[in-house]
Amino acid sequence: MAAVVKEAKDEEIQVPKSDDFFESKTFRLLTLMLYMGGVSGMGLTLAMYYMFIWDSRMPPLPVFKHTHPIG
């Protein structure tokens, strides 16, 4: 009976590879680079805006007349 029982071997199932460009590694790397470039570009644009265009000075505080000091 031991001779009848054989070890079961795991067989690999061959999956046919797709030649579709949208499933390729090149497409994934290209979209990753476009995404990172877009995010970095927007960050750079925002940094340039805050350095050269944004006016961060506070307006002077209003002076109220006819006020009585507390105390």
PDB file of N, CA and C in Angstrom:
ATOM      1  N   MET A   1       0.824  -1.179   0.000  1.00  0.00           N
ATOM      2  CA  MET A   1       0.000   0.000   0.000  1.00  0.00           C
ATOM      3  C   MET A   1       0.875   1.252   0.000  1.00  0.00           C
ATOM      4  N   ALA A   2       2.018   1.229   0.651  1.00  0.00           N
ATOM      5  CA  ALA A   2       2.911   2.374   0.694  1.00  0.00           C
ATOM      6  C   ALA A   2       3.445   2.688  -0.692  1.00  0.00           C
ATOM      7  N   ALA A   3       3.570   1.662  -1.516  1.00  0.00           N
ATOM      8  CA  ALA A   3       4.055   1.886  -2.873  1.00  0.00           C
ATOM      9  C   ALA A   3       3.004   2.586  -3.720  1.00  0.00           C
ATOM     10  N   VAL A   4       1.740   2.426  -3.351  1.00  0.00           N
ATOM     11  CA  VAL A   4       0.658   3.032  -4.135  1.00  0.00           C
ATOM     12  C   VAL A   4       0.536   4.528  -3.847  1.00  0.00           C
ATOM     13  N   VAL A   5       0.784   4.904  -2.576  1.00  0.00           N
ATOM     14  CA  VAL A   5       0.652   6.308  -2.186  1.00  0.00           C
ATOM     15  C   VAL A   5       1.911   7.048  -2.622  1.00  0.00           C
ATOM     16  N   LYS A   6       1.730   8.055  -3.424  1.00  0.00           N
ATOM     17  CA  LYS A   6       2.860   8.857  -3.908  1.00  0.00           C
ATOM     18  C   LYS A   6       2.740  10.254  -3.325  1.00  0.00           C
ATOM     19  N   GLU A   7       3.868  10.879  -3.201  1.00  0.00           N
ATOM     20  CA  GLU A   7       3.834  12.251  -2.713  1.00  0.00           C
ATOM     21  C   GLU A   7       3.218  13.144  -3.779  1.00  0.00           C
ATOM     22  N   ALA A   8       2.307  13.998  -3.312  1.00  0.00           N
ATOM     23  CA  ALA A   8       1.683  14.941  -4.236  1.00  0.00           C
ATOM     24  C   ALA A   8       2.607  16.132  -4.430  1.00  0.00           C
ATOM     25  N   LYS A   9       2.867  16.442  -5.643  1.00  0.00           N
ATOM     26  CA  LYS A   9       3.728  17.581  -5.949  1.00  0.00           C
ATOM     27  C   LYS A   9       2.845  18.756  -6.346  1.00  0.00           C
ATOM     28  N   ASP A  10       3.246  19.912  -5.822  1.00  0.00           N
ATOM     29  CA  ASP A  10       2.538  21.128  -6.226  1.00  0.00           C
ATOM     30  C   ASP A  10       2.969  21.486  -7.641  1.00  0.00           C
ATOM     31  N   GLU A  11       1.994  21.638  -8.478  1.00  0.00           N
ATOM     32  CA  GLU A  11       2.296  22.011  -9.852  1.00  0.00           C
ATOM     33  C   GLU A  11       1.993  23.489 -10.040  1.00  0.00           C
ATOM     34  N   GLU A  12       2.867  24.138 -10.754  1.00  0.00           N
ATOM     35  CA  GLU A  12       2.626  25.544 -11.051  1.00  0.00           C
ATOM     36  C   GLU A  12       1.668  25.646 -12.215  1.00  0.00           C
ATOM     37  N   ILE A  13       0.718  26.519 -12.048  1.00  0.00           N
ATOM     38  CA  ILE A  13      -0.228  26.763 -13.127  1.00  0.00           C
ATOM     39  C   ILE A  13       0.321  27.905 -13.960  1.00  0.00           C
ATOM     40  N   GLN A  14       0.545  27.655 -15.204  1.00  0.00           N
ATOM     41  CA  GLN A  14       1.095  28.669 -16.087  1.00  0.00           C
ATOM     42  C   GLN A  14      -0.005  29.637 -16.504  1.00  0.00           C
ATOM     43  N   VAL A  15       0.196  30.906 -16.148  1.00  0.00           N
ATOM     44  CA  VAL A  15      -0.745  31.941 -16.534  1.00  0.00           C
ATOM     45  C   VAL A  15      -0.143  32.679 -17.718  1.00  0.00           C
ATOM     46  N   PRO A  16      -0.880  32.771 -18.791  1.00  0.00           N
ATOM     47  CA  PRO A  16      -0.313  33.465 -19.950  1.00  0.00           C
ATOM     48  C   PRO A  16      -0.121  34.952 -19.634  1.00  0.00           C
ATOM     49  N   LYS A  17       1.055  35.461 -20.009  1.00  0.00           N
ATOM     50  CA  LYS A  17       1.343  36.869 -19.757  1.00  0.00           C
ATOM     51  C   LYS A  17       0.651  37.720 -20.800  1.00  0.00           C
ATOM     52  N   SER A  18       0.128  38.842 -20.313  1.00  0.00           N
ATOM     53  CA  SER A  18      -0.558  39.759 -21.205  1.00  0.00           C
ATOM     54  C   SER A  18       0.455  40.718 -21.807  1.00  0.00           C
ATOM     55  N   ASP A  19       0.314  40.995 -23.076  1.00  0.00           N
ATOM     56  CA  ASP A  19       1.187  41.942 -23.743  1.00  0.00           C
ATOM     57  C   ASP A  19       0.557  43.334 -23.779  1.00  0.00           C
ATOM     58  N   ASP A  20      -0.480  43.542 -22.979  1.00  0.00           N
ATOM     59  CA  ASP A  20      -1.169  44.826 -22.937  1.00  0.00           C
ATOM     60  C   ASP A  20      -0.263  45.871 -22.292  1.00  0.00           C
ATOM     61  N   PHE A  21      -0.144  47.043 -22.913  1.00  0.00           N
ATOM     62  CA  PHE A  21       0.739  48.088 -22.410  1.00  0.00           C
ATOM     63  C   PHE A  21       0.269  48.601 -21.059  1.00  0.00           C
ATOM     64  N   PHE A  22      -1.036  48.665 -20.820  1.00  0.00           N
ATOM     65  CA  PHE A  22      -1.572  49.222 -19.586  1.00  0.00           C
ATOM     66  C   PHE A  22      -1.386  48.295 -18.391  1.00  0.00           C
ATOM     67  N   GLU A  23      -0.915  47.104 -18.600  1.00  0.00           N
ATOM     68  CA  GLU A  23      -0.612  46.184 -17.507  1.00  0.00           C
ATOM     69  C   GLU A  23       0.886  45.938 -17.379  1.00  0.00           C
ATOM     70  N   SER A  24       1.685  46.710 -18.120  1.00  0.00           N
ATOM     71  CA  SER A  24       3.128  46.477 -18.120  1.00  0.00           C
ATOM     72  C   SER A  24       3.806  47.277 -17.009  1.00  0.00           C
ATOM     73  N   LYS A  25       5.014  46.861 -16.699  1.00  0.00           N
ATOM     74  CA  LYS A  25       5.804  47.536 -15.672  1.00  0.00           C
ATOM     75  C   LYS A  25       6.185  48.942 -16.129  1.00  0.00           C
ATOM     76  N   THR A  26       6.403  49.099 -17.421  1.00  0.00           N
ATOM     77  CA  THR A  26       6.743  50.413 -17.971  1.00  0.00           C
ATOM     78  C   THR A  26       5.618  51.403 -17.729  1.00  0.00           C
ATOM     79  N   PHE A  27       4.388  50.984 -17.935  1.00  0.00           N
ATOM     80  CA  PHE A  27       3.239  51.861 -17.723  1.00  0.00           C
ATOM     81  C   PHE A  27       3.106  52.236 -16.254  1.00  0.00           C
ATOM     82  N   ARG A  28       3.316  51.271 -15.371  1.00  0.00           N
ATOM     83  CA  ARG A  28       3.224  51.565 -13.940  1.00  0.00           C
ATOM     84  C   ARG A  28       4.301  52.546 -13.499  1.00  0.00           C
ATOM     85  N   LEU A  29       5.530  52.382 -13.994  1.00  0.00           N
ATOM     86  CA  LEU A  29       6.606  53.318 -13.657  1.00  0.00           C
ATOM     87  C   LEU A  29       6.337  54.705 -14.236  1.00  0.00           C
ATOM     88  N   LEU A  30       5.802  54.757 -15.444  1.00  0.00           N
ATOM     89  CA  LEU A  30       5.482  56.027 -16.072  1.00  0.00           C
ATOM     90  C   LEU A  30       4.408  56.773 -15.287  1.00  0.00           C
ATOM     91  N   THR A  31       3.355  56.078 -14.878  1.00  0.00           N
ATOM     92  CA  THR A  31       2.300  56.743 -14.112  1.00  0.00           C
ATOM     93  C   THR A  31       2.803  57.164 -12.731  1.00  0.00           C
ATOM     94  N   LEU A  32       3.685  56.386 -12.124  1.00  0.00           N
ATOM     95  CA  LEU A  32       4.267  56.765 -10.839  1.00  0.00           C
ATOM     96  C   LEU A  32       5.093  58.041 -10.975  1.00  0.00           C
ATOM     97  N   MET A  33       5.897  58.124 -12.019  1.00  0.00           N
ATOM     98  CA  MET A  33       6.714  59.320 -12.234  1.00  0.00           C
ATOM     99  C   MET A  33       5.844  60.535 -12.537  1.00  0.00           C
ATOM    100  N   LEU A  34       4.791  60.361 -13.310  1.00  0.00           N
ATOM    101  CA  LEU A  34       3.881  61.472 -13.588  1.00  0.00           C
ATOM    102  C   LEU A  34       3.192  61.945 -12.315  1.00  0.00           C
ATOM    103  N   TYR A  35       2.776  61.026 -11.477  1.00  0.00           N
ATOM    104  CA  TYR A  35       2.121  61.386 -10.218  1.00  0.00           C
ATOM    105  C   TYR A  35       3.079  62.135  -9.301  1.00  0.00           C
ATOM    106  N   MET A  36       4.292  61.590  -9.127  1.00  0.00           N
ATOM    107  CA  MET A  36       5.271  62.233  -8.252  1.00  0.00           C
ATOM    108  C   MET A  36       5.672  63.609  -8.805  1.00  0.00           C
ATOM    109  N   GLY A  37       5.801  63.723 -10.112  1.00  0.00           N
ATOM    110  CA  GLY A  37       6.123  65.004 -10.718  1.00  0.00           C
ATOM    111  C   GLY A  37       5.004  66.015 -10.530  1.00  0.00           C
ATOM    112  N   GLY A  38       3.762  65.567 -10.635  1.00  0.00           N
ATOM    113  CA  GLY A  38       2.631  66.463 -10.427  1.00  0.00           C
ATOM    114  C   GLY A  38       2.540  66.960  -9.000  1.00  0.00           C
ATOM    115  N   VAL A  39       2.708  66.067  -8.052  1.00  0.00           N
ATOM    116  CA  VAL A  39       2.646  66.459  -6.637  1.00  0.00           C
ATOM    117  C   VAL A  39       3.810  67.379  -6.293  1.00  0.00           C
ATOM    118  N   SER A  40       4.999  67.037  -6.751  1.00  0.00           N
ATOM    119  CA  SER A  40       6.171  67.865  -6.471  1.00  0.00           C
ATOM    120  C   SER A  40       6.065  69.218  -7.168  1.00  0.00           C
ATOM    121  N   GLY A  41       5.532  69.215  -8.377  1.00  0.00           N
ATOM    122  CA  GLY A  41       5.370  70.469  -9.116  1.00  0.00           C
ATOM    123  C   GLY A  41       4.392  71.400  -8.431  1.00  0.00           C
ATOM    124  N   MET A  42       3.309  70.852  -7.918  1.00  0.00           N
ATOM    125  CA  MET A  42       2.347  71.695  -7.204  1.00  0.00           C
ATOM    126  C   MET A  42       2.956  72.230  -5.911  1.00  0.00           C
ATOM    127  N   GLY A  43       3.735  71.420  -5.212  1.00  0.00           N
ATOM    128  CA  GLY A  43       4.417  71.885  -4.004  1.00  0.00           C
ATOM    129  C   GLY A  43       5.416  72.992  -4.319  1.00  0.00           C
ATOM    130  N   LEU A  44       6.147  72.845  -5.414  1.00  0.00           N
ATOM    131  CA  LEU A  44       7.111  73.862  -5.818  1.00  0.00           C
ATOM    132  C   LEU A  44       6.389  75.155  -6.201  1.00  0.00           C
ATOM    133  N   THR A  45       5.273  75.029  -6.911  1.00  0.00           N
ATOM    134  CA  THR A  45       4.490  76.207  -7.279  1.00  0.00           C
ATOM    135  C   THR A  45       3.972  76.936  -6.044  1.00  0.00           C
ATOM    136  N   LEU A  46       3.464  76.192  -5.087  1.00  0.00           N
ATOM    137  CA  LEU A  46       2.968  76.793  -3.853  1.00  0.00           C
ATOM    138  C   LEU A  46       4.097  77.462  -3.068  1.00  0.00           C
ATOM    139  N   ALA A  47       5.267  76.845  -3.032  1.00  0.00           N
ATOM    140  CA  ALA A  47       6.415  77.444  -2.342  1.00  0.00           C
ATOM    141  C   ALA A  47       6.838  78.745  -3.016  1.00  0.00           C
ATOM    142  N   MET A  48       6.865  78.761  -4.335  1.00  0.00           N
ATOM    143  CA  MET A  48       7.221  79.989  -5.065  1.00  0.00           C
ATOM    144  C   MET A  48       6.194  81.092  -4.814  1.00  0.00           C
ATOM    145  N   TYR A  49       4.936  80.728  -4.768  1.00  0.00           N
ATOM    146  CA  TYR A  49       3.879  81.701  -4.498  1.00  0.00           C
ATOM    147  C   TYR A  49       4.083  82.342  -3.127  1.00  0.00           C
ATOM    148  N   TYR A  50       4.341  81.506  -2.119  1.00  0.00           N
ATOM    149  CA  TYR A  50       4.519  82.046  -0.771  1.00  0.00           C
ATOM    150  C   TYR A  50       5.815  82.837  -0.630  1.00  0.00           C
ATOM    151  N   MET A  51       6.838  82.543  -1.400  1.00  0.00           N
ATOM    152  CA  MET A  51       8.100  83.275  -1.284  1.00  0.00           C
ATOM    153  C   MET A  51       8.055  84.614  -2.020  1.00  0.00           C
ATOM    154  N   PHE A  52       7.414  84.667  -3.182  1.00  0.00           N
ATOM    155  CA  PHE A  52       7.524  85.856  -4.016  1.00  0.00           C
ATOM    156  C   PHE A  52       6.245  86.691  -4.125  1.00  0.00           C
ATOM    157  N   ILE A  53       5.081  86.123  -3.926  1.00  0.00           N
ATOM    158  CA  ILE A  53       3.833  86.842  -4.157  1.00  0.00           C
ATOM    159  C   ILE A  53       3.087  87.146  -2.863  1.00  0.00           C
ATOM    160  N   TRP A  54       3.034  86.208  -1.948  1.00  0.00           N
ATOM    161  CA  TRP A  54       2.250  86.340  -0.723  1.00  0.00           C
ATOM    162  C   TRP A  54       2.755  87.503   0.127  1.00  0.00           C
ATOM    163  N   ASP A  55       1.836  88.341   0.603  1.00  0.00           N
ATOM    164  CA  ASP A  55       2.187  89.455   1.479  1.00  0.00           C
ATOM    165  C   ASP A  55       1.821  89.042   2.906  1.00  0.00           C
ATOM    166  N   SER A  56       2.820  88.788   3.708  1.00  0.00           N
ATOM    167  CA  SER A  56       2.560  88.263   5.052  1.00  0.00           C
ATOM    168  C   SER A  56       2.511  89.344   6.123  1.00  0.00           C
ATOM    169  N   ARG A  57       2.606  90.605   5.739  1.00  0.00           N
ATOM    170  CA  ARG A  57       2.572  91.675   6.736  1.00  0.00           C
ATOM    171  C   ARG A  57       1.158  91.802   7.301  1.00  0.00           C
ATOM    172  N   MET A  58       1.098  92.019   8.594  1.00  0.00           N
ATOM    173  CA  MET A  58      -0.191  92.210   9.258  1.00  0.00           C
ATOM    174  C   MET A  58      -0.577  93.675   9.175  1.00  0.00           C
ATOM    175  N   PRO A  59      -1.856  93.965   8.961  1.00  0.00           N
ATOM    176  CA  PRO A  59      -2.263  95.373   8.960  1.00  0.00           C
ATOM    177  C   PRO A  59      -2.171  95.925  10.382  1.00  0.00           C
ATOM    178  N   PRO A  60      -2.019  97.228  10.505  1.00  0.00           N
ATOM    179  CA  PRO A  60      -1.928  97.798  11.859  1.00  0.00           C
ATOM    180  C   PRO A  60      -3.242  97.612  12.609  1.00  0.00           C
ATOM    181  N   LEU A  61      -3.113  97.454  13.910  1.00  0.00           N
ATOM    182  CA  LEU A  61      -4.311  97.287  14.730  1.00  0.00           C
ATOM    183  C   LEU A  61      -5.045  98.614  14.844  1.00  0.00           C
ATOM    184  N   PRO A  62      -6.370  98.593  14.825  1.00  0.00           N
ATOM    185  CA  PRO A  62      -7.115  99.859  14.909  1.00  0.00           C
ATOM    186  C   PRO A  62      -6.967 100.486  16.295  1.00  0.00           C
ATOM    187  N   VAL A  63      -6.949 101.802  16.312  1.00  0.00           N
ATOM    188  CA  VAL A  63      -6.851 102.539  17.570  1.00  0.00           C
ATOM    189  C   VAL A  63      -8.250 103.061  17.887  1.00  0.00           C
ATOM    190  N   PHE A  64      -8.779 102.672  19.026  1.00  0.00           N
ATOM    191  CA  PHE A  64     -10.112 103.107  19.423  1.00  0.00           C
ATOM    192  C   PHE A  64      -9.986 104.365  20.289  1.00  0.00           C
ATOM    193  N   LYS A  65     -10.720 105.384  19.921  1.00  0.00           N
ATOM    194  CA  LYS A  65     -10.714 106.618  20.708  1.00  0.00           C
ATOM    195  C   LYS A  65     -11.898 106.608  21.658  1.00  0.00           C
ATOM    196  N   HIS A  66     -11.824 107.447  22.652  1.00  0.00           N
ATOM    197  CA  HIS A  66     -12.885 107.591  23.646  1.00  0.00           C
ATOM    198  C   HIS A  66     -13.087 106.294  24.431  1.00  0.00           C
ATOM    199  N   THR A  67     -12.029 105.647  24.781  1.00  0.00           N
ATOM    200  CA  THR A  67     -12.132 104.462  25.621  1.00  0.00           C
ATOM    201  C   THR A  67     -11.634 104.806  27.013  1.00  0.00           C
ATOM    202  N   HIS A  68     -12.166 104.131  27.976  1.00  0.00           N
ATOM    203  CA  HIS A  68     -11.772 104.348  29.354  1.00  0.00           C
ATOM    204  C   HIS A  68     -10.893 103.200  29.798  1.00  0.00           C
ATOM    205  N   PRO A  69      -9.804 103.491  30.478  1.00  0.00           N
ATOM    206  CA  PRO A  69      -8.957 102.408  30.968  1.00  0.00           C
ATOM    207  C   PRO A  69      -9.671 101.591  32.029  1.00  0.00           C
ATOM    208  N   ILE A  70      -9.387 100.315  32.053  1.00  0.00           N
ATOM    209  CA  ILE A  70     -10.005  99.429  33.041  1.00  0.00           C
ATOM    210  C   ILE A  70      -9.229  99.582  34.340  1.00  0.00           C
ATOM    211  N   GLY A  71      -9.976  99.744  35.458  1.00  0.00           N
ATOM    212  CA  GLY A  71      -9.330  99.779  36.757  1.00  0.00           C
ATOM    213  C   GLY A  71      -9.359 101.071  37.352  1.00  0.00           C
TER     214      GLY A  71
END
